[in-house]
């Protein structure tokens, strides 16, 4: 809990892109996040407050 830090993203910002090396876990405090395909238009999912993603990147799994 002591390592948590607030990050604010504006509409149109990218949190991460396919192929990025994951080093962080994200918890959506408020608002929503849209997961889009590489074409930037096709919506794959929408995450809202309380959603978590990136959890696999913080686990110590070889080959991740």
PDB file of N, CA and C in Angstrom:
ATOM      1  N   UNK A   1       0.811  -1.196   0.000  1.00  0.00           N
ATOM      2  CA  UNK A   1       0.000   0.000   0.000  1.00  0.00           C
ATOM      3  C   UNK A   1       0.858   1.266   0.000  1.00  0.00           C
ATOM      4  N   UNK A   2       2.018   1.233   0.586  1.00  0.00           N
ATOM      5  CA  UNK A   2       2.839   2.430   0.652  1.00  0.00           C
ATOM      6  C   UNK A   2       3.431   2.804  -0.701  1.00  0.00           C
ATOM      7  N   UNK A   3       3.418   1.878  -1.650  1.00  0.00           N
ATOM      8  CA  UNK A   3       3.977   2.149  -2.973  1.00  0.00           C
ATOM      9  C   UNK A   3       2.948   2.694  -3.951  1.00  0.00           C
ATOM     10  N   UNK A   4       1.698   2.823  -3.541  1.00  0.00           N
ATOM     11  CA  UNK A   4       0.662   3.332  -4.435  1.00  0.00           C
ATOM     12  C   UNK A   4       0.894   4.805  -4.723  1.00  0.00           C
ATOM     13  N   UNK A   5       0.649   5.186  -5.980  1.00  0.00           N
ATOM     14  CA  UNK A   5       0.727   6.600  -6.322  1.00  0.00           C
ATOM     15  C   UNK A   5      -0.374   6.912  -7.332  1.00  0.00           C
ATOM     16  N   UNK A   6      -0.893   8.085  -7.251  1.00  0.00           N
ATOM     17  CA  UNK A   6      -1.992   8.516  -8.108  1.00  0.00           C
ATOM     18  C   UNK A   6      -1.454   8.934  -9.477  1.00  0.00           C
ATOM     19  N   UNK A   7      -2.121   8.482 -10.505  1.00  0.00           N
ATOM     20  CA  UNK A   7      -1.817   8.917 -11.871  1.00  0.00           C
ATOM     21  C   UNK A   7      -3.136   9.356 -12.496  1.00  0.00           C
ATOM     22  N   UNK A   8      -3.121  10.484 -13.166  1.00  0.00           N
ATOM     23  CA  UNK A   8      -4.329  11.016 -13.785  1.00  0.00           C
ATOM     24  C   UNK A   8      -4.139  10.980 -15.301  1.00  0.00           C
ATOM     25  N   UNK A   9      -5.118  10.415 -15.989  1.00  0.00           N
ATOM     26  CA  UNK A   9      -5.094  10.334 -17.444  1.00  0.00           C
ATOM     27  C   UNK A   9      -6.290  11.091 -17.998  1.00  0.00           C
ATOM     28  N   UNK A  10      -6.080  11.782 -19.097  1.00  0.00           N
ATOM     29  CA  UNK A  10      -7.139  12.539 -19.756  1.00  0.00           C
ATOM     30  C   UNK A  10      -7.733  11.718 -20.895  1.00  0.00           C
ATOM     31  N   UNK A  11      -8.942  12.067 -21.338  1.00  0.00           N
ATOM     32  CA  UNK A  11      -9.534  11.364 -22.480  1.00  0.00           C
ATOM     33  C   UNK A  11      -8.567  11.377 -23.671  1.00  0.00           C
ATOM     34  N   UNK A  12      -8.400  10.215 -24.286  1.00  0.00           N
ATOM     35  CA  UNK A  12      -7.493  10.089 -25.423  1.00  0.00           C
ATOM     36  C   UNK A  12      -6.093   9.664 -25.067  1.00  0.00           C
ATOM     37  N   UNK A  13      -5.736   9.719 -23.779  1.00  0.00           N
ATOM     38  CA  UNK A  13      -4.414   9.257 -23.342  1.00  0.00           C
ATOM     39  C   UNK A  13      -4.345   7.738 -23.398  1.00  0.00           C
ATOM     40  N   UNK A  14      -3.158   7.208 -23.653  1.00  0.00           N
ATOM     41  CA  UNK A  14      -2.925   5.772 -23.597  1.00  0.00           C
ATOM     42  C   UNK A  14      -2.210   5.442 -22.295  1.00  0.00           C
ATOM     43  N   UNK A  15      -2.731   4.466 -21.562  1.00  0.00           N
ATOM     44  CA  UNK A  15      -2.085   4.001 -20.332  1.00  0.00           C
ATOM     45  C   UNK A  15      -0.945   3.064 -20.708  1.00  0.00           C
ATOM     46  N   UNK A  16      -1.201   2.179 -21.656  1.00  0.00           N
ATOM     47  CA  UNK A  16      -0.181   1.266 -22.165  1.00  0.00           C
ATOM     48  C   UNK A  16      -0.608   0.793 -23.543  1.00  0.00           C
ATOM     49  N   UNK A  17       0.329   0.216 -24.261  1.00  0.00           N
ATOM     50  CA  UNK A  17       0.059  -0.296 -25.606  1.00  0.00           C
ATOM     51  C   UNK A  17       0.517  -1.743 -25.693  1.00  0.00           C
ATOM     52  N   UNK A  18      -0.053  -2.475 -26.629  1.00  0.00           N
ATOM     53  CA  UNK A  18       0.318  -3.866 -26.836  1.00  0.00           C
ATOM     54  C   UNK A  18       1.823  -3.945 -27.071  1.00  0.00           C
ATOM     55  N   UNK A  19       2.466  -4.868 -26.364  1.00  0.00           N
ATOM     56  CA  UNK A  19       3.909  -5.057 -26.511  1.00  0.00           C
ATOM     57  C   UNK A  19       4.736  -4.325 -25.473  1.00  0.00           C
ATOM     58  N   UNK A  20       4.126  -3.367 -24.738  1.00  0.00           N
ATOM     59  CA  UNK A  20       4.856  -2.680 -23.669  1.00  0.00           C
ATOM     60  C   UNK A  20       5.232  -3.675 -22.585  1.00  0.00           C
ATOM     61  N   UNK A  21       6.368  -3.463 -21.969  1.00  0.00           N
ATOM     62  CA  UNK A  21       6.767  -4.294 -20.841  1.00  0.00           C
ATOM     63  C   UNK A  21       6.029  -3.794 -19.610  1.00  0.00           C
ATOM     64  N   UNK A  22       5.246  -4.684 -19.000  1.00  0.00           N
ATOM     65  CA  UNK A  22       4.443  -4.302 -17.840  1.00  0.00           C
ATOM     66  C   UNK A  22       5.248  -4.321 -16.559  1.00  0.00           C
ATOM     67  N   UNK A  23       5.153  -3.249 -15.810  1.00  0.00           N
ATOM     68  CA  UNK A  23       5.842  -3.147 -14.524  1.00  0.00           C
ATOM     69  C   UNK A  23       4.916  -2.614 -13.436  1.00  0.00           C
ATOM     70  N   UNK A  24       3.649  -2.388 -13.787  1.00  0.00           N
ATOM     71  CA  UNK A  24       2.737  -1.743 -12.844  1.00  0.00           C
ATOM     72  C   UNK A  24       1.379  -2.423 -12.825  1.00  0.00           C
ATOM     73  N   UNK A  25       0.709  -2.268 -11.717  1.00  0.00           N
ATOM     74  CA  UNK A  25      -0.668  -2.713 -11.532  1.00  0.00           C
ATOM     75  C   UNK A  25      -1.513  -1.447 -11.457  1.00  0.00           C
ATOM     76  N   UNK A  26      -2.639  -1.439 -12.141  1.00  0.00           N
ATOM     77  CA  UNK A  26      -3.501  -0.261 -12.157  1.00  0.00           C
ATOM     78  C   UNK A  26      -4.840  -0.580 -11.508  1.00  0.00           C
ATOM     79  N   UNK A  27      -5.340   0.351 -10.719  1.00  0.00           N
ATOM     80  CA  UNK A  27      -6.669   0.275 -10.123  1.00  0.00           C
ATOM     81  C   UNK A  27      -7.397   1.541 -10.550  1.00  0.00           C
ATOM     82  N   UNK A  28      -8.522   1.375 -11.203  1.00  0.00           N
ATOM     83  CA  UNK A  28      -9.283   2.543 -11.653  1.00  0.00           C
ATOM     84  C   UNK A  28     -10.099   3.069 -10.483  1.00  0.00           C
ATOM     85  N   UNK A  29      -9.770   4.271 -10.040  1.00  0.00           N
ATOM     86  CA  UNK A  29     -10.457   4.882  -8.899  1.00  0.00           C
ATOM     87  C   UNK A  29     -11.785   5.496  -9.324  1.00  0.00           C
ATOM     88  N   UNK A  30     -11.783   6.194 -10.459  1.00  0.00           N
ATOM     89  CA  UNK A  30     -13.014   6.801 -10.966  1.00  0.00           C
ATOM     90  C   UNK A  30     -12.910   6.941 -12.479  1.00  0.00           C
ATOM     91  N   UNK A  31     -14.047   7.116 -13.108  1.00  0.00           N
ATOM     92  CA  UNK A  31     -14.069   7.239 -14.553  1.00  0.00           C
ATOM     93  C   UNK A  31     -14.086   5.879 -15.213  1.00  0.00           C
ATOM     94  N   UNK A  32     -13.713   5.846 -16.474  1.00  0.00           N
ATOM     95  CA  UNK A  32     -13.675   4.570 -17.188  1.00  0.00           C
ATOM     96  C   UNK A  32     -12.497   4.561 -18.149  1.00  0.00           C
ATOM     97  N   UNK A  33     -12.133   3.375 -18.545  1.00  0.00           N
ATOM     98  CA  UNK A  33     -11.017   3.151 -19.445  1.00  0.00           C
ATOM     99  C   UNK A  33     -11.511   2.240 -20.556  1.00  0.00           C
ATOM    100  N   UNK A  34     -11.213   2.592 -21.786  1.00  0.00           N
ATOM    101  CA  UNK A  34     -11.622   1.776 -22.918  1.00  0.00           C
ATOM    102  C   UNK A  34     -10.405   1.050 -23.468  1.00  0.00           C
ATOM    103  N   UNK A  35     -10.513  -0.256 -23.622  1.00  0.00           N
ATOM    104  CA  UNK A  35      -9.460  -1.069 -24.220  1.00  0.00           C
ATOM    105  C   UNK A  35      -9.763  -1.150 -25.710  1.00  0.00           C
ATOM    106  N   UNK A  36      -8.821  -0.683 -26.532  1.00  0.00           N
ATOM    107  CA  UNK A  36      -9.044  -0.674 -27.976  1.00  0.00           C
ATOM    108  C   UNK A  36      -8.029  -1.561 -28.681  1.00  0.00           C
ATOM    109  N   UNK A  37      -8.422  -2.051 -29.847  1.00  0.00           N
ATOM    110  CA  UNK A  37      -7.535  -2.871 -30.678  1.00  0.00           C
ATOM    111  C   UNK A  37      -6.416  -1.995 -31.239  1.00  0.00           C
ATOM    112  N   UNK A  38      -5.448  -2.628 -31.878  1.00  0.00           N
ATOM    113  CA  UNK A  38      -4.308  -1.894 -32.430  1.00  0.00           C
ATOM    114  C   UNK A  38      -4.711  -0.835 -33.448  1.00  0.00           C
ATOM    115  N   UNK A  39      -5.881  -1.003 -34.073  1.00  0.00           N
ATOM    116  CA  UNK A  39      -6.325  -0.007 -35.053  1.00  0.00           C
ATOM    117  C   UNK A  39      -6.789   1.290 -34.385  1.00  0.00           C
ATOM    118  N   UNK A  40      -6.930   1.264 -33.058  1.00  0.00           N
ATOM    119  CA  UNK A  40      -7.315   2.450 -32.310  1.00  0.00           C
ATOM    120  C   UNK A  40      -8.796   2.764 -32.316  1.00  0.00           C
ATOM    121  N   UNK A  41      -9.592   1.926 -32.963  1.00  0.00           N
ATOM    122  CA  UNK A  41     -11.020   2.206 -33.076  1.00  0.00           C
ATOM    123  C   UNK A  41     -11.905   1.104 -32.507  1.00  0.00           C
ATOM    124  N   UNK A  42     -11.523  -0.142 -32.692  1.00  0.00           N
ATOM    125  CA  UNK A  42     -12.341  -1.263 -32.246  1.00  0.00           C
ATOM    126  C   UNK A  42     -12.268  -1.395 -30.730  1.00  0.00           C
ATOM    127  N   UNK A  43     -13.407  -1.259 -30.049  1.00  0.00           N
ATOM    128  CA  UNK A  43     -13.455  -1.351 -28.592  1.00  0.00           C
ATOM    129  C   UNK A  43     -13.528  -2.817 -28.181  1.00  0.00           C
ATOM    130  N   UNK A  44     -12.556  -3.254 -27.384  1.00  0.00           N
ATOM    131  CA  UNK A  44     -12.503  -4.633 -26.915  1.00  0.00           C
ATOM    132  C   UNK A  44     -13.147  -4.791 -25.542  1.00  0.00           C
ATOM    133  N   UNK A  45     -13.049  -3.761 -24.705  1.00  0.00           N
ATOM    134  CA  UNK A  45     -13.629  -3.807 -23.358  1.00  0.00           C
ATOM    135  C   UNK A  45     -13.679  -2.396 -22.796  1.00  0.00           C
ATOM    136  N   UNK A  46     -14.528  -2.209 -21.809  1.00  0.00           N
ATOM    137  CA  UNK A  46     -14.584  -0.954 -21.065  1.00  0.00           C
ATOM    138  C   UNK A  46     -14.496  -1.301 -19.584  1.00  0.00           C
ATOM    139  N   UNK A  47     -13.552  -0.683 -18.903  1.00  0.00           N
ATOM    140  CA  UNK A  47     -13.336  -0.921 -17.473  1.00  0.00           C
ATOM    141  C   UNK A  47     -13.762   0.315 -16.700  1.00  0.00           C
ATOM    142  N   UNK A  48     -14.369   0.115 -15.542  1.00  0.00           N
ATOM    143  CA  UNK A  48     -14.842   1.232 -14.734  1.00  0.00           C
ATOM    144  C   UNK A  48     -14.212   1.241 -13.355  1.00  0.00           C
ATOM    145  N   UNK A  49     -14.714   2.128 -12.511  1.00  0.00           N
ATOM    146  CA  UNK A  49     -14.194   2.279 -11.148  1.00  0.00           C
ATOM    147  C   UNK A  49     -14.166   0.935 -10.426  1.00  0.00           C
ATOM    148  N   UNK A  50     -13.050   0.650  -9.802  1.00  0.00           N
ATOM    149  CA  UNK A  50     -12.868  -0.609  -9.081  1.00  0.00           C
ATOM    150  C   UNK A  50     -12.219  -1.701  -9.910  1.00  0.00           C
ATOM    151  N   UNK A  51     -12.129  -1.503 -11.218  1.00  0.00           N
ATOM    152  CA  UNK A  51     -11.479  -2.492 -12.080  1.00  0.00           C
ATOM    153  C   UNK A  51      -9.968  -2.456 -11.875  1.00  0.00           C
ATOM    154  N   UNK A  52      -9.350  -3.606 -12.058  1.00  0.00           N
ATOM    155  CA  UNK A  52      -7.902  -3.753 -11.882  1.00  0.00           C
ATOM    156  C   UNK A  52      -7.336  -4.386 -13.146  1.00  0.00           C
ATOM    157  N   UNK A  53      -6.189  -3.904 -13.591  1.00  0.00           N
ATOM    158  CA  UNK A  53      -5.486  -4.558 -14.696  1.00  0.00           C
ATOM    159  C   UNK A  53      -3.985  -4.382 -14.516  1.00  0.00           C
ATOM    160  N   UNK A  54      -3.218  -5.234 -15.179  1.00  0.00           N
ATOM    161  CA  UNK A  54      -1.758  -5.201 -15.054  1.00  0.00           C
ATOM    162  C   UNK A  54      -1.240  -6.066 -13.935  1.00  0.00           C
ATOM    163  N   UNK A  55      -2.140  -6.809 -13.258  1.00  0.00           N
ATOM    164  CA  UNK A  55      -1.711  -7.593 -12.101  1.00  0.00           C
ATOM    165  C   UNK A  55      -0.716  -8.690 -12.463  1.00  0.00           C
ATOM    166  N   UNK A  56      -0.808  -9.231 -13.658  1.00  0.00           N
ATOM    167  CA  UNK A  56       0.119 -10.284 -14.062  1.00  0.00           C
ATOM    168  C   UNK A  56       1.542  -9.733 -14.170  1.00  0.00           C
ATOM    169  N   UNK A  57       1.690  -8.484 -14.564  1.00  0.00           N
ATOM    170  CA  UNK A  57       3.019  -7.900 -14.754  1.00  0.00           C
ATOM    171  C   UNK A  57       3.795  -7.735 -13.449  1.00  0.00           C
ATOM    172  N   UNK A  58       3.127  -7.677 -12.328  1.00  0.00           N
ATOM    173  CA  UNK A  58       3.833  -7.498 -11.053  1.00  0.00           C
ATOM    174  C   UNK A  58       4.170  -8.815 -10.375  1.00  0.00           C
ATOM    175  N   UNK A  59       3.681  -9.921 -10.920  1.00  0.00           N
ATOM    176  CA  UNK A  59       4.030 -11.224 -10.371  1.00  0.00           C
ATOM    177  C   UNK A  59       5.387 -11.655 -10.912  1.00  0.00           C
ATOM    178  N   UNK A  60       6.132 -12.386 -10.132  1.00  0.00           N
ATOM    179  CA  UNK A  60       7.461 -12.841 -10.540  1.00  0.00           C
ATOM    180  C   UNK A  60       7.322 -14.166 -11.291  1.00  0.00           C
ATOM    181  N   UNK A  61       6.899 -14.070 -12.556  1.00  0.00           N
ATOM    182  CA  UNK A  61       6.727 -15.246 -13.392  1.00  0.00           C
ATOM    183  C   UNK A  61       7.745 -15.179 -14.516  1.00  0.00           C
ATOM    184  N   UNK A  62       8.576 -16.190 -14.652  1.00  0.00           N
ATOM    185  CA  UNK A  62       9.574 -16.174 -15.711  1.00  0.00           C
ATOM    186  C   UNK A  62       8.892 -16.227 -17.068  1.00  0.00           C
ATOM    187  N   UNK A  63       9.441 -15.510 -18.046  1.00  0.00           N
ATOM    188  CA  UNK A  63       8.888 -15.510 -19.388  1.00  0.00           C
ATOM    189  C   UNK A  63       7.714 -14.595 -19.598  1.00  0.00           C
ATOM    190  N   UNK A  64       7.395 -13.739 -18.639  1.00  0.00           N
ATOM    191  CA  UNK A  64       6.247 -12.845 -18.813  1.00  0.00           C
ATOM    192  C   UNK A  64       6.584 -11.701 -19.722  1.00  0.00           C
TER     193      UNK A  64
END
